Amino acid sequence: MNPRILEVIPTDDYKLKLLFTNGERGFYDCAGLLNFGVFKELQDKNYFKKVQVLHGTVVWPHEQDICPDTVYSDAIKENT
């Protein structure tokens, strides 16, 4: 099982700055999701910034979420 998310900070360019349970940090780009189904609502930057961590994954108030394994594997990790 991949690490889960401990902390998320949204950016103005539809990226999520992340801290994972293994101590790694990285960015996940949500831009590719913005034109699909339930994720279209994330186009509203004010709504996008309401992202939170719940049970190790990122979620928004209207029940949008992204699989934590996908977030971890697709995130661009920062060099530490």
PDB file of N, CA and C in Angstrom:
ATOM      1  N   MET A   1       0.860  -1.180   0.000  1.00  0.00           N
ATOM      2  CA  MET A   1       0.000   0.000   0.000  1.00  0.00           C
ATOM      3  C   MET A   1       0.902   1.238   0.000  1.00  0.00           C
ATOM      4  N   ASN A   2       0.562   2.184  -0.830  1.00  0.00           N
ATOM      5  CA  ASN A   2       1.298   3.449  -0.902  1.00  0.00           C
ATOM      6  C   ASN A   2       1.008   4.310   0.327  1.00  0.00           C
ATOM      7  N   PRO A   3       1.894   5.261   0.599  1.00  0.00           N
ATOM      8  CA  PRO A   3       1.629   6.204   1.691  1.00  0.00           C
ATOM      9  C   PRO A   3       0.328   6.971   1.446  1.00  0.00           C
ATOM     10  N   ARG A   4      -0.242   7.439   2.511  1.00  0.00           N
ATOM     11  CA  ARG A   4      -1.459   8.242   2.439  1.00  0.00           C
ATOM     12  C   ARG A   4      -1.087   9.709   2.642  1.00  0.00           C
ATOM     13  N   ILE A   5      -2.062  10.561   2.482  1.00  0.00           N
ATOM     14  CA  ILE A   5      -1.841  11.999   2.553  1.00  0.00           C
ATOM     15  C   ILE A   5      -2.092  12.482   3.985  1.00  0.00           C
ATOM     16  N   LEU A   6      -1.170  13.287   4.476  1.00  0.00           N
ATOM     17  CA  LEU A   6      -1.306  13.891   5.805  1.00  0.00           C
ATOM     18  C   LEU A   6      -1.771  15.331   5.732  1.00  0.00           C
ATOM     19  N   GLU A   7      -1.315  16.049   4.700  1.00  0.00           N
ATOM     20  CA  GLU A   7      -1.590  17.488   4.595  1.00  0.00           C
ATOM     21  C   GLU A   7      -1.733  17.859   3.132  1.00  0.00           C
ATOM     22  N   VAL A   8      -2.645  18.786   2.858  1.00  0.00           N
ATOM     23  CA  VAL A   8      -2.819  19.290   1.499  1.00  0.00           C
ATOM     24  C   VAL A   8      -2.980  20.801   1.535  1.00  0.00           C
ATOM     25  N   ILE A   9      -2.319  21.459   0.576  1.00  0.00           N
ATOM     26  CA  ILE A   9      -2.454  22.904   0.403  1.00  0.00           C
ATOM     27  C   ILE A   9      -2.720  23.146  -1.080  1.00  0.00           C
ATOM     28  N   PRO A  10      -3.869  23.736  -1.422  1.00  0.00           N
ATOM     29  CA  PRO A  10      -4.165  24.015  -2.835  1.00  0.00           C
ATOM     30  C   PRO A  10      -3.383  25.226  -3.330  1.00  0.00           C
ATOM     31  N   THR A  11      -3.030  25.215  -4.614  1.00  0.00           N
ATOM     32  CA  THR A  11      -2.350  26.354  -5.229  1.00  0.00           C
ATOM     33  C   THR A  11      -3.306  27.031  -6.212  1.00  0.00           C
ATOM     34  N   ASP A  12      -2.911  28.199  -6.695  1.00  0.00           N
ATOM     35  CA  ASP A  12      -3.756  28.941  -7.632  1.00  0.00           C
ATOM     36  C   ASP A  12      -3.805  28.317  -9.027  1.00  0.00           C
ATOM     37  N   ASP A  13      -2.884  27.408  -9.324  1.00  0.00           N
ATOM     38  CA  ASP A  13      -2.847  26.801 -10.655  1.00  0.00           C
ATOM     39  C   ASP A  13      -3.327  25.345 -10.648  1.00  0.00           C
ATOM     40  N   TYR A  14      -4.293  25.050  -9.775  1.00  0.00           N
ATOM     41  CA  TYR A  14      -4.953  23.745  -9.702  1.00  0.00           C
ATOM     42  C   TYR A  14      -3.998  22.600  -9.362  1.00  0.00           C
ATOM     43  N   LYS A  15      -3.025  22.902  -8.537  1.00  0.00           N
ATOM     44  CA  LYS A  15      -2.152  21.851  -8.022  1.00  0.00           C
ATOM     45  C   LYS A  15      -2.387  21.717  -6.522  1.00  0.00           C
ATOM     46  N   LEU A  16      -2.071  20.532  -6.025  1.00  0.00           N
ATOM     47  CA  LEU A  16      -2.152  20.277  -4.602  1.00  0.00           C
ATOM     48  C   LEU A  16      -0.747  20.042  -4.083  1.00  0.00           C
ATOM     49  N   LYS A  17      -0.349  20.822  -3.102  1.00  0.00           N
ATOM     50  CA  LYS A  17       0.933  20.620  -2.430  1.00  0.00           C
ATOM     51  C   LYS A  17       0.665  19.635  -1.292  1.00  0.00           C
ATOM     52  N   LEU A  18       1.433  18.542  -1.265  1.00  0.00           N
ATOM     53  CA  LEU A  18       1.098  17.423  -0.399  1.00  0.00           C
ATOM     54  C   LEU A  18       2.229  17.028   0.538  1.00  0.00           C
ATOM     55  N   LEU A  19       1.842  16.524   1.705  1.00  0.00           N
ATOM     56  CA  LEU A  19       2.744  15.844   2.616  1.00  0.00           C
ATOM     57  C   LEU A  19       2.166  14.444   2.800  1.00  0.00           C
ATOM     58  N   PHE A  20       3.014  13.425   2.571  1.00  0.00           N
ATOM     59  CA  PHE A  20       2.583  12.031   2.683  1.00  0.00           C
ATOM     60  C   PHE A  20       3.016  11.433   4.020  1.00  0.00           C
ATOM     61  N   THR A  21       2.397  10.331   4.392  1.00  0.00           N
ATOM     62  CA  THR A  21       2.676   9.688   5.675  1.00  0.00           C
ATOM     63  C   THR A  21       4.103   9.166   5.791  1.00  0.00           C
ATOM     64  N   ASN A  22       4.804   8.993   4.684  1.00  0.00           N
ATOM     65  CA  ASN A  22       6.191   8.535   4.732  1.00  0.00           C
ATOM     66  C   ASN A  22       7.183   9.701   4.799  1.00  0.00           C
ATOM     67  N   GLY A  23       6.660  10.937   4.922  1.00  0.00           N
ATOM     68  CA  GLY A  23       7.503  12.119   5.022  1.00  0.00           C
ATOM     69  C   GLY A  23       7.819  12.789   3.696  1.00  0.00           C
ATOM     70  N   GLU A  24       7.481  12.134   2.583  1.00  0.00           N
ATOM     71  CA  GLU A  24       7.725  12.749   1.277  1.00  0.00           C
ATOM     72  C   GLU A  24       6.769  13.914   1.061  1.00  0.00           C
ATOM     73  N   ARG A  25       7.226  14.845   0.229  1.00  0.00           N
ATOM     74  CA  ARG A  25       6.401  15.984  -0.177  1.00  0.00           C
ATOM     75  C   ARG A  25       6.335  16.007  -1.689  1.00  0.00           C
ATOM     76  N   GLY A  26       5.254  16.552  -2.211  1.00  0.00           N
ATOM     77  CA  GLY A  26       5.141  16.629  -3.650  1.00  0.00           C
ATOM     78  C   GLY A  26       3.947  17.455  -4.082  1.00  0.00           C
ATOM     79  N   PHE A  27       3.755  17.483  -5.408  1.00  0.00           N
ATOM     80  CA  PHE A  27       2.646  18.215  -6.015  1.00  0.00           C
ATOM     81  C   PHE A  27       1.850  17.284  -6.904  1.00  0.00           C
ATOM     82  N   TYR A  28       0.534  17.400  -6.835  1.00  0.00           N
ATOM     83  CA  TYR A  28      -0.352  16.657  -7.728  1.00  0.00           C
ATOM     84  C   TYR A  28      -1.109  17.684  -8.561  1.00  0.00           C
ATOM     85  N   ASP A  29      -1.058  17.541  -9.871  1.00  0.00           N
ATOM     86  CA  ASP A  29      -1.702  18.480 -10.792  1.00  0.00           C
ATOM     87  C   ASP A  29      -3.111  18.005 -11.115  1.00  0.00           C
ATOM     88  N   CYS A  30      -4.111  18.777 -10.721  1.00  0.00           N
ATOM     89  CA  CYS A  30      -5.514  18.434 -10.951  1.00  0.00           C
ATOM     90  C   CYS A  30      -6.052  18.968 -12.278  1.00  0.00           C
ATOM     91  N   ALA A  31      -5.252  19.722 -13.028  1.00  0.00           N
ATOM     92  CA  ALA A  31      -5.742  20.370 -14.251  1.00  0.00           C
ATOM     93  C   ALA A  31      -6.356  19.379 -15.229  1.00  0.00           C
ATOM     94  N   GLY A  32      -5.816  18.189 -15.314  1.00  0.00           N
ATOM     95  CA  GLY A  32      -6.337  17.188 -16.242  1.00  0.00           C
ATOM     96  C   GLY A  32      -7.704  16.635 -15.869  1.00  0.00           C
ATOM     97  N   LEU A  33      -8.153  16.876 -14.661  1.00  0.00           N
ATOM     98  CA  LEU A  33      -9.454  16.371 -14.205  1.00  0.00           C
ATOM     99  C   LEU A  33     -10.595  17.366 -14.400  1.00  0.00           C
ATOM    100  N   LEU A  34     -10.270  18.625 -14.634  1.00  0.00           N
ATOM    101  CA  LEU A  34     -11.259  19.704 -14.541  1.00  0.00           C
ATOM    102  C   LEU A  34     -12.392  19.647 -15.564  1.00  0.00           C
ATOM    103  N   ASN A  35     -12.249  18.877 -16.609  1.00  0.00           N
ATOM    104  CA  ASN A  35     -13.299  18.794 -17.634  1.00  0.00           C
ATOM    105  C   ASN A  35     -14.074  17.494 -17.579  1.00  0.00           C
ATOM    106  N   PHE A  36     -13.921  16.737 -16.489  1.00  0.00           N
ATOM    107  CA  PHE A  36     -14.556  15.431 -16.398  1.00  0.00           C
ATOM    108  C   PHE A  36     -15.575  15.351 -15.273  1.00  0.00           C
ATOM    109  N   GLY A  37     -16.805  15.011 -15.617  1.00  0.00           N
ATOM    110  CA  GLY A  37     -17.862  14.677 -14.666  1.00  0.00           C
ATOM    111  C   GLY A  37     -17.897  15.524 -13.422  1.00  0.00           C
ATOM    112  N   VAL A  38     -17.841  14.835 -12.279  1.00  0.00           N
ATOM    113  CA  VAL A  38     -17.976  15.512 -10.984  1.00  0.00           C
ATOM    114  C   VAL A  38     -16.839  16.487 -10.702  1.00  0.00           C
ATOM    115  N   PHE A  39     -15.732  16.341 -11.414  1.00  0.00           N
ATOM    116  CA  PHE A  39     -14.587  17.220 -11.170  1.00  0.00           C
ATOM    117  C   PHE A  39     -14.727  18.594 -11.830  1.00  0.00           C
ATOM    118  N   LYS A  40     -15.714  18.777 -12.707  1.00  0.00           N
ATOM    119  CA  LYS A  40     -15.909  20.086 -13.360  1.00  0.00           C
ATOM    120  C   LYS A  40     -16.106  21.199 -12.329  1.00  0.00           C
ATOM    121  N   GLU A  41     -16.709  20.854 -11.207  1.00  0.00           N
ATOM    122  CA  GLU A  41     -16.947  21.858 -10.156  1.00  0.00           C
ATOM    123  C   GLU A  41     -15.631  22.433  -9.611  1.00  0.00           C
ATOM    124  N   LEU A  42     -14.536  21.678  -9.752  1.00  0.00           N
ATOM    125  CA  LEU A  42     -13.242  22.148  -9.262  1.00  0.00           C
ATOM    126  C   LEU A  42     -12.691  23.305 -10.085  1.00  0.00           C
ATOM    127  N   GLN A  43     -13.288  23.583 -11.252  1.00  0.00           N
ATOM    128  CA  GLN A  43     -12.868  24.722 -12.065  1.00  0.00           C
ATOM    129  C   GLN A  43     -13.036  26.036 -11.307  1.00  0.00           C
ATOM    130  N   ASP A  44     -13.997  26.071 -10.401  1.00  0.00           N
ATOM    131  CA  ASP A  44     -14.203  27.245  -9.541  1.00  0.00           C
ATOM    132  C   ASP A  44     -13.069  27.256  -8.507  1.00  0.00           C
ATOM    133  N   LYS A  45     -12.161  28.205  -8.629  1.00  0.00           N
ATOM    134  CA  LYS A  45     -10.972  28.224  -7.758  1.00  0.00           C
ATOM    135  C   LYS A  45     -11.326  28.324  -6.282  1.00  0.00           C
ATOM    136  N   ASN A  46     -12.403  29.047  -5.967  1.00  0.00           N
ATOM    137  CA  ASN A  46     -12.808  29.136  -4.563  1.00  0.00           C
ATOM    138  C   ASN A  46     -13.230  27.766  -4.033  1.00  0.00           C
ATOM    139  N   TYR A  47     -13.930  27.011  -4.871  1.00  0.00           N
ATOM    140  CA  TYR A  47     -14.330  25.666  -4.467  1.00  0.00           C
ATOM    141  C   TYR A  47     -13.110  24.738  -4.414  1.00  0.00           C
ATOM    142  N   PHE A  48     -12.233  24.824  -5.407  1.00  0.00           N
ATOM    143  CA  PHE A  48     -11.026  23.996  -5.444  1.00  0.00           C
ATOM    144  C   PHE A  48     -10.233  24.140  -4.145  1.00  0.00           C
ATOM    145  N   LYS A  49     -10.190  25.350  -3.623  1.00  0.00           N
ATOM    146  CA  LYS A  49      -9.407  25.626  -2.416  1.00  0.00           C
ATOM    147  C   LYS A  49     -10.050  25.089  -1.139  1.00  0.00           C
ATOM    148  N   LYS A  50     -11.225  24.486  -1.250  1.00  0.00           N
ATOM    149  CA  LYS A  50     -11.871  23.876  -0.085  1.00  0.00           C
ATOM    150  C   LYS A  50     -11.424  22.436   0.139  1.00  0.00           C
ATOM    151  N   VAL A  51     -10.412  22.002  -0.581  1.00  0.00           N
ATOM    152  CA  VAL A  51      -9.891  20.640  -0.449  1.00  0.00           C
ATOM    153  C   VAL A  51      -9.437  20.379   0.986  1.00  0.00           C
ATOM    154  N   GLN A  52      -9.649  19.148   1.444  1.00  0.00           N
ATOM    155  CA  GLN A  52      -9.243  18.723   2.779  1.00  0.00           C
ATOM    156  C   GLN A  52      -8.700  17.300   2.691  1.00  0.00           C
ATOM    157  N   VAL A  53      -8.051  16.871   3.757  1.00  0.00           N
ATOM    158  CA  VAL A  53      -7.630  15.479   3.880  1.00  0.00           C
ATOM    159  C   VAL A  53      -8.640  14.757   4.758  1.00  0.00           C
ATOM    160  N   LEU A  54      -9.110  13.617   4.270  1.00  0.00           N
ATOM    161  CA  LEU A  54     -10.032  12.778   5.037  1.00  0.00           C
ATOM    162  C   LEU A  54      -9.610  11.330   4.836  1.00  0.00           C
ATOM    163  N   HIS A  55      -9.287  10.655   5.919  1.00  0.00           N
ATOM    164  CA  HIS A  55      -8.886   9.250   5.866  1.00  0.00           C
ATOM    165  C   HIS A  55      -7.757   9.006   4.871  1.00  0.00           C
ATOM    166  N   GLY A  56      -6.813   9.940   4.803  1.00  0.00           N
ATOM    167  CA  GLY A  56      -5.623   9.744   3.997  1.00  0.00           C
ATOM    168  C   GLY A  56      -5.736  10.082   2.533  1.00  0.00           C
ATOM    169  N   THR A  57      -6.848  10.679   2.127  1.00  0.00           N
ATOM    170  CA  THR A  57      -6.974  11.105   0.735  1.00  0.00           C
ATOM    171  C   THR A  57      -7.509  12.529   0.679  1.00  0.00           C
ATOM    172  N   VAL A  58      -7.508  13.113  -0.523  1.00  0.00           N
ATOM    173  CA  VAL A  58      -8.006  14.476  -0.689  1.00  0.00           C
ATOM    174  C   VAL A  58      -9.477  14.429  -1.100  1.00  0.00           C
ATOM    175  N   VAL A  59     -10.255  15.301  -0.477  1.00  0.00           N
ATOM    176  CA  VAL A  59     -11.695  15.356  -0.736  1.00  0.00           C
ATOM    177  C   VAL A  59     -12.156  16.809  -0.786  1.00  0.00           C
ATOM    178  N   TRP A  60     -13.286  17.008  -1.445  1.00  0.00           N
ATOM    179  CA  TRP A  60     -13.952  18.305  -1.500  1.00  0.00           C
ATOM    180  C   TRP A  60     -15.350  18.152  -0.922  1.00  0.00           C
ATOM    181  N   PRO A  61     -16.008  19.264  -0.564  1.00  0.00           N
ATOM    182  CA  PRO A  61     -17.292  19.212   0.138  1.00  0.00           C
ATOM    183  C   PRO A  61     -18.408  18.434  -0.563  1.00  0.00           C
ATOM    184  N   HIS A  62     -18.427  18.405  -1.879  1.00  0.00           N
ATOM    185  CA  HIS A  62     -19.506  17.715  -2.582  1.00  0.00           C
ATOM    186  C   HIS A  62     -19.113  16.299  -2.980  1.00  0.00           C
ATOM    187  N   GLU A  63     -18.241  15.701  -2.168  1.00  0.00           N
ATOM    188  CA  GLU A  63     -17.856  14.296  -2.239  1.00  0.00           C
ATOM    189  C   GLU A  63     -16.936  13.928  -3.395  1.00  0.00           C
ATOM    190  N   GLN A  64     -16.309  14.907  -4.047  1.00  0.00           N
ATOM    191  CA  GLN A  64     -15.264  14.572  -4.999  1.00  0.00           C
ATOM    192  C   GLN A  64     -14.059  14.096  -4.207  1.00  0.00           C
ATOM    193  N   ASP A  65     -13.397  13.086  -4.716  1.00  0.00           N
ATOM    194  CA  ASP A  65     -12.152  12.636  -4.110  1.00  0.00           C
ATOM    195  C   ASP A  65     -11.275  12.018  -5.192  1.00  0.00           C
ATOM    196  N   ILE A  66     -10.000  11.848  -4.865  1.00  0.00           N
ATOM    197  CA  ILE A  66      -9.055  11.222  -5.782  1.00  0.00           C
ATOM    198  C   ILE A  66      -8.388  10.093  -5.015  1.00  0.00           C
ATOM    199  N   CYS A  67      -8.314   8.943  -5.620  1.00  0.00           N
ATOM    200  CA  CYS A  67      -7.711   7.769  -4.993  1.00  0.00           C
ATOM    201  C   CYS A  67      -6.318   8.126  -4.461  1.00  0.00           C
ATOM    202  N   PRO A  68      -6.043   7.823  -3.188  1.00  0.00           N
ATOM    203  CA  PRO A  68      -4.744   8.178  -2.631  1.00  0.00           C
ATOM    204  C   PRO A  68      -3.579   7.473  -3.331  1.00  0.00           C
ATOM    205  N   ASP A  69      -3.803   6.279  -3.859  1.00  0.00           N
ATOM    206  CA  ASP A  69      -2.739   5.591  -4.608  1.00  0.00           C
ATOM    207  C   ASP A  69      -2.419   6.342  -5.888  1.00  0.00           C
ATOM    208  N   THR A  70      -3.446   6.856  -6.557  1.00  0.00           N
ATOM    209  CA  THR A  70      -3.245   7.647  -7.766  1.00  0.00           C
ATOM    210  C   THR A  70      -2.502   8.938  -7.443  1.00  0.00           C
ATOM    211  N   VAL A  71      -2.926   9.603  -6.385  1.00  0.00           N
ATOM    212  CA  VAL A  71      -2.278  10.854  -5.990  1.00  0.00           C
ATOM    213  C   VAL A  71      -0.795  10.612  -5.728  1.00  0.00           C
ATOM    214  N   TYR A  72      -0.497   9.559  -4.965  1.00  0.00           N
ATOM    215  CA  TYR A  72       0.909   9.294  -4.632  1.00  0.00           C
ATOM    216  C   TYR A  72       1.720   8.929  -5.873  1.00  0.00           C
ATOM    217  N   SER A  73       1.203   8.032  -6.695  1.00  0.00           N
ATOM    218  CA  SER A  73       1.987   7.581  -7.854  1.00  0.00           C
ATOM    219  C   SER A  73       2.153   8.653  -8.912  1.00  0.00           C
ATOM    220  N   ASP A  74       1.173   9.551  -9.046  1.00  0.00           N
ATOM    221  CA  ASP A  74       1.251  10.604 -10.072  1.00  0.00           C
ATOM    222  C   ASP A  74       1.853  11.912  -9.561  1.00  0.00           C
ATOM    223  N   ALA A  75       2.030  12.030  -8.265  1.00  0.00           N
ATOM    224  CA  ALA A  75       2.586  13.269  -7.704  1.00  0.00           C
ATOM    225  C   ALA A  75       4.050  13.431  -8.119  1.00  0.00           C
ATOM    226  N   ILE A  76       4.422  14.674  -8.383  1.00  0.00           N
ATOM    227  CA  ILE A  76       5.828  15.017  -8.626  1.00  0.00           C
ATOM    228  C   ILE A  76       6.438  15.237  -7.247  1.00  0.00           C
ATOM    229  N   LYS A  77       7.345  14.356  -6.871  1.00  0.00           N
ATOM    230  CA  LYS A  77       7.940  14.422  -5.533  1.00  0.00           C
ATOM    231  C   LYS A  77       9.025  15.488  -5.497  1.00  0.00           C
ATOM    232  N   GLU A  78       9.115  16.166  -4.353  1.00  0.00           N
ATOM    233  CA  GLU A  78      10.162  17.154  -4.135  1.00  0.00           C
ATOM    234  C   GLU A  78      11.423  16.446  -3.665  1.00  0.00           C
ATOM    235  N   ASN A  79      12.543  16.935  -4.072  1.00  0.00           N
ATOM    236  CA  ASN A  79      13.815  16.418  -3.565  1.00  0.00           C
ATOM    237  C   ASN A  79      14.039  16.973  -2.174  1.00  0.00           C
ATOM    238  N   THR A  80      14.435  16.122  -1.265  1.00  0.00           N
ATOM    239  CA  THR A  80      14.676  16.590   0.107  1.00  0.00           C
ATOM    240  C   THR A  80      16.141  16.498   0.443  1.00  0.00           C
TER     241      THR A  80
END
